[in-house]
């Protein structure tokens, strides 16, 4: 014999407001994050730096030895900024490597 308890309706959860970003050109706004550590490669890299263009959704992945701001900034300048130009806006998770003074200077690269 089964005892039937009262039925509950679904709980309605409020969602946070989503921001709509208007991006007019490729590499005008980009996202960046660092993933790892992974097993060390033959070339001594343990982390991946991932950047993505908001306009085209084009991802780029770079192997880096550590997640220090100097390694991230160096890879950004030599692999991203040199090929695609300096974006107007960089979106990050505000990790320590993205808040450092060297990274702040790198973000002003090309702008005075």
Protein backbone atom coordinates (compact mmCIF):
# COMPACT_ATOMS: atom_id res chain seq x y z
CA UNK A 1 0.00 0.00 0.00
CA UNK A 2 1.32 3.43 -0.97
CA UNK A 3 0.71 6.66 0.81
CA UNK A 4 0.40 9.65 -1.52
CA UNK A 5 1.89 12.88 -0.27
CA UNK A 6 0.93 16.27 -1.57
CA UNK A 7 2.41 17.23 -4.93
CA UNK A 8 4.76 20.13 -5.19
CA UNK A 9 5.09 22.29 -8.24
CA UNK A 10 8.47 23.17 -9.73
CA UNK A 11 10.50 25.77 -7.91
CA UNK A 12 10.99 28.93 -9.90
CA UNK A 13 14.49 30.29 -9.64
CA UNK A 14 15.36 33.77 -10.70
CA UNK A 15 18.27 34.02 -13.07
CA UNK A 16 20.87 36.72 -13.11
CA UNK A 17 20.54 39.33 -15.80
CA UNK A 18 22.54 38.50 -18.90
CA UNK A 19 24.58 41.24 -20.48
CA UNK A 20 24.36 41.76 -24.21
CA UNK A 21 27.66 42.79 -25.75
CA UNK A 22 27.64 44.47 -29.12
CA UNK A 23 30.88 43.76 -30.91
CA UNK A 24 31.39 45.37 -34.29
CA UNK A 25 34.59 43.76 -35.57
CA UNK A 26 36.81 40.71 -35.07
CA UNK A 27 39.20 40.93 -32.10
CA UNK A 28 37.56 44.11 -30.80
CA UNK A 29 36.67 42.22 -27.61
CA UNK A 30 38.34 39.02 -26.44
CA UNK A 31 38.12 36.61 -23.52
CA UNK A 32 41.15 35.07 -21.84
CA UNK A 33 41.70 32.33 -19.27
CA UNK A 34 44.45 29.99 -18.11
CA UNK A 35 43.87 26.27 -17.50
CA UNK A 36 46.10 23.82 -15.66
CA UNK A 37 48.37 22.55 -14.32
CA UNK A 38 48.63 19.59 -16.67
CA UNK A 39 51.47 17.07 -16.92
CA UNK A 40 54.62 18.85 -18.04
CA UNK A 41 55.32 18.68 -21.78
CA UNK A 42 58.73 17.97 -23.33
CA UNK A 43 59.16 21.72 -23.80
CA UNK A 44 58.41 22.42 -20.12
CA UNK A 45 54.85 23.73 -20.43
CA UNK A 46 52.24 22.93 -17.77
CA UNK A 47 49.43 25.38 -18.56
CA UNK A 48 47.22 26.41 -21.46
CA UNK A 49 46.27 30.01 -22.14
CA UNK A 50 42.98 30.21 -24.03
CA UNK A 51 41.84 33.37 -25.82
CA UNK A 52 38.63 33.76 -27.79
CA UNK A 53 37.32 36.48 -30.05
CA UNK A 54 33.76 37.51 -29.11
CA UNK A 55 32.81 38.45 -32.69
CA UNK A 56 33.82 35.28 -34.56
CA UNK A 57 34.03 32.93 -31.54
CA UNK A 58 37.50 31.94 -32.85
CA UNK A 59 39.53 30.24 -30.08
CA UNK A 60 43.31 30.22 -29.82
CA UNK A 61 45.17 27.98 -27.35
CA UNK A 62 48.80 28.44 -26.31
CA UNK A 63 50.99 26.29 -24.10
CA UNK A 64 52.81 28.26 -21.39
CA UNK A 65 55.25 27.10 -18.68
CA UNK A 66 53.46 28.80 -15.78
CA UNK A 67 50.52 31.08 -15.12
CA UNK A 68 52.56 34.07 -14.02
CA UNK A 69 51.61 37.43 -15.47
CA UNK A 70 54.91 37.72 -17.36
CA UNK A 71 54.31 34.44 -19.24
CA UNK A 72 50.71 35.39 -20.05
CA UNK A 73 51.65 38.91 -21.15
CA UNK A 74 54.55 37.67 -23.30
CA UNK A 75 52.34 35.15 -25.10
CA UNK A 76 49.59 37.74 -25.60
CA UNK A 77 51.94 40.26 -27.17
CA UNK A 78 53.85 37.84 -29.40
CA UNK A 79 51.01 35.52 -30.44
CA UNK A 80 47.78 37.53 -30.27
CA UNK A 81 48.43 41.27 -30.44
CA UNK A 82 51.02 40.92 -33.23
CA UNK A 83 48.60 38.93 -35.41
CA UNK A 84 45.19 40.41 -34.60
CA UNK A 85 45.97 43.80 -33.07
CA UNK A 86 45.24 45.06 -29.58
CA UNK A 87 41.57 44.58 -28.61
CA UNK A 88 39.52 47.40 -27.16
CA UNK A 89 38.40 45.14 -24.32
CA UNK A 90 39.76 42.00 -22.64
CA UNK A 91 37.41 39.90 -20.50
CA UNK A 92 39.02 37.70 -17.83
CA UNK A 93 38.06 35.99 -14.58
CA UNK A 94 40.15 38.59 -12.73
CA UNK A 95 42.66 36.02 -11.49
CA UNK A 96 45.89 37.21 -9.89
CA UNK A 97 47.79 36.84 -13.17
CA UNK A 98 45.32 39.24 -14.85
CA UNK A 99 45.40 41.81 -12.05
CA UNK A 100 49.18 42.32 -11.92
CA UNK A 101 50.96 45.51 -12.91
CA UNK A 102 52.74 43.89 -15.86
CA UNK A 103 49.44 42.64 -17.28
CA UNK A 104 47.87 46.09 -16.83
CA UNK A 105 50.76 47.61 -18.83
CA UNK A 106 50.35 44.95 -21.51
CA UNK A 107 46.67 45.83 -21.84
CA UNK A 108 47.66 49.42 -22.62
CA UNK A 109 50.00 48.15 -25.38
CA UNK A 110 49.57 50.38 -28.41
CA UNK A 111 47.57 53.01 -26.50
CA UNK A 112 49.14 56.02 -24.83
